[in-house]
Protein backbone atom coordinates (compact mmCIF):
# COMPACT_ATOMS: atom_id res chain seq x y z
CA MET A 1 140.15 33.26 75.43
CA LYS A 2 143.42 33.91 76.49
CA LYS A 3 145.54 30.83 76.22
CA CYS A 4 147.96 29.90 80.07
CA ASP A 5 151.78 30.68 78.30
CA ASN A 6 152.35 27.16 79.51
CA GLU A 7 149.48 26.04 77.75
CA LYS A 8 149.58 22.98 74.41
CA GLU A 9 146.46 22.23 72.21
CA ASN A 10 146.03 18.73 72.35
CA ILE A 11 143.93 17.53 69.48
CA ALA A 12 142.78 14.04 69.23
CA ILE A 13 141.55 12.46 65.66
CA ALA A 14 139.52 9.01 65.96
CA GLN A 15 138.73 6.95 63.06
CA GLN A 16 135.86 3.91 62.34
CA LYS A 17 135.76 2.76 59.22
CA ALA A 18 131.87 1.31 58.49
CA ASN A 19 129.88 -0.43 56.25
CA VAL A 20 125.63 0.80 55.82
CA SER A 21 123.89 -1.27 54.08
CA VAL A 22 120.41 -0.91 53.36
CA PRO A 23 118.25 -4.08 52.03
CA VAL A 24 116.06 -3.66 48.84
CA SER A 25 114.04 -6.00 47.53
CA VAL A 26 112.63 -5.59 43.73
CA LYS A 27 109.91 -7.41 42.27
CA PRO A 28 108.95 -7.47 38.94
CA ARG A 29 104.83 -6.75 37.14
CA VAL A 30 103.71 -7.43 33.82
CA ASN A 31 100.87 -6.66 32.34
CA THR A 32 99.25 -7.27 29.28
CA LYS A 33 96.13 -6.25 27.30
CA ASP A 34 94.31 -8.15 24.08
CA ALA A 35 96.20 -8.66 20.94
CA ILE A 36 94.85 -6.69 17.83
CA MET A 37 96.01 -8.17 14.80
CA TYR A 38 95.86 -6.17 11.52
CA SER A 39 96.33 -7.53 8.14
CA PHE A 40 97.95 -5.93 4.81
CA GLY A 41 98.33 -6.85 1.71
CA ASP A 42 96.40 -9.32 -0.44
CA PRO A 43 95.98 -12.89 0.60
CA VAL A 44 97.94 -14.80 -2.03
CA LEU A 45 96.51 -18.03 -3.10
CA LYS A 46 98.89 -20.69 -4.21
CA GLN A 47 97.74 -23.89 -6.13
CA ASN A 48 100.08 -26.71 -5.49
CA SER A 49 101.86 -28.22 -8.20
CA CYS A 50 101.70 -32.23 -6.95
CA GLN A 51 100.61 -34.37 -9.91
CA CYS A 52 100.16 -37.76 -7.97
CA GLU A 53 97.18 -39.46 -7.26
CA TYR A 54 96.32 -38.16 -4.21
CA CYS A 55 96.27 -35.03 -5.02
CA GLN A 56 94.44 -34.69 -8.03
CA LYS A 57 91.21 -36.47 -6.14
CA SER A 58 91.23 -33.43 -4.20
CA TYR A 59 91.88 -29.97 -4.39
CA ARG A 60 94.70 -28.68 -2.28
CA PHE A 61 96.01 -24.78 -1.91
CA VAL A 62 98.10 -22.76 0.41
CA LEU A 63 96.75 -19.43 1.54
CA SER A 64 98.44 -16.81 3.26
CA GLN A 65 98.34 -13.80 4.35
CA ASN A 66 100.61 -10.94 5.93
CA ILE A 67 99.70 -9.54 9.19
CA CYS A 68 100.76 -7.56 12.13
CA ILE A 69 100.37 -9.00 16.01
CA GLU A 70 100.45 -5.56 18.62
CA ILE A 71 100.45 -6.94 22.19
CA PRO A 72 100.46 -4.13 24.75
CA ILE A 73 102.88 -5.09 27.55
CA GLU A 74 103.66 -2.78 30.02
CA PHE A 75 106.21 -3.66 32.41
CA SER A 76 107.16 -1.55 35.58
CA VAL A 77 108.57 -3.46 39.56
CA ASP A 78 107.39 -2.74 43.24
CA THR A 79 110.19 -1.83 45.26
CA THR A 80 110.75 -2.23 49.06
CA VAL A 81 112.89 -0.19 50.67
CA GLY A 82 113.75 -1.79 53.63
CA ASN A 83 115.70 0.35 56.97
CA ALA A 84 119.55 0.81 57.21
CA TYR A 85 121.44 -0.56 58.93
CA ILE A 86 125.43 -0.23 59.93
CA ASP A 87 128.73 -2.71 60.67
CA CYS A 88 131.79 -0.68 62.07
CA ILE A 89 135.10 -2.11 60.63
CA LYS A 90 137.47 -3.75 62.64
CA ILE A 91 140.53 -2.31 63.18
CA MET A 92 143.74 -3.40 62.47
CA GLU A 93 146.35 -3.94 65.05
CA GLU A 94 148.49 -2.08 62.83
CA GLU A 95 145.72 0.28 62.30
CA LYS A 96 145.58 1.56 65.67
CA SER A 97 149.22 3.06 65.98
CA ASN A 98 148.30 4.93 62.85
CA VAL A 99 144.77 6.61 64.67
CA LEU A 100 146.09 9.78 66.41
């Protein structure tokens, strides 16, 4: 399309700042299963070396055993995403003069 000789281009540029948000809800979940116990190594029997009158009337000892406990734990989350929304940011008076 041919322009007229005296026709000028008029360009307008408009701007608007905005804040776009979306609500997100995260709810943690933890599931556990039965614990499993393993023993390893030999048990150790230690006699009490106490020489008091009380200890001599009974037999006292300490029995120790190394163990390993496995507890299966599953971590996960449920998420819910809401509807997005937009808030326009008010243009300050000094910014209005810079637009265009």
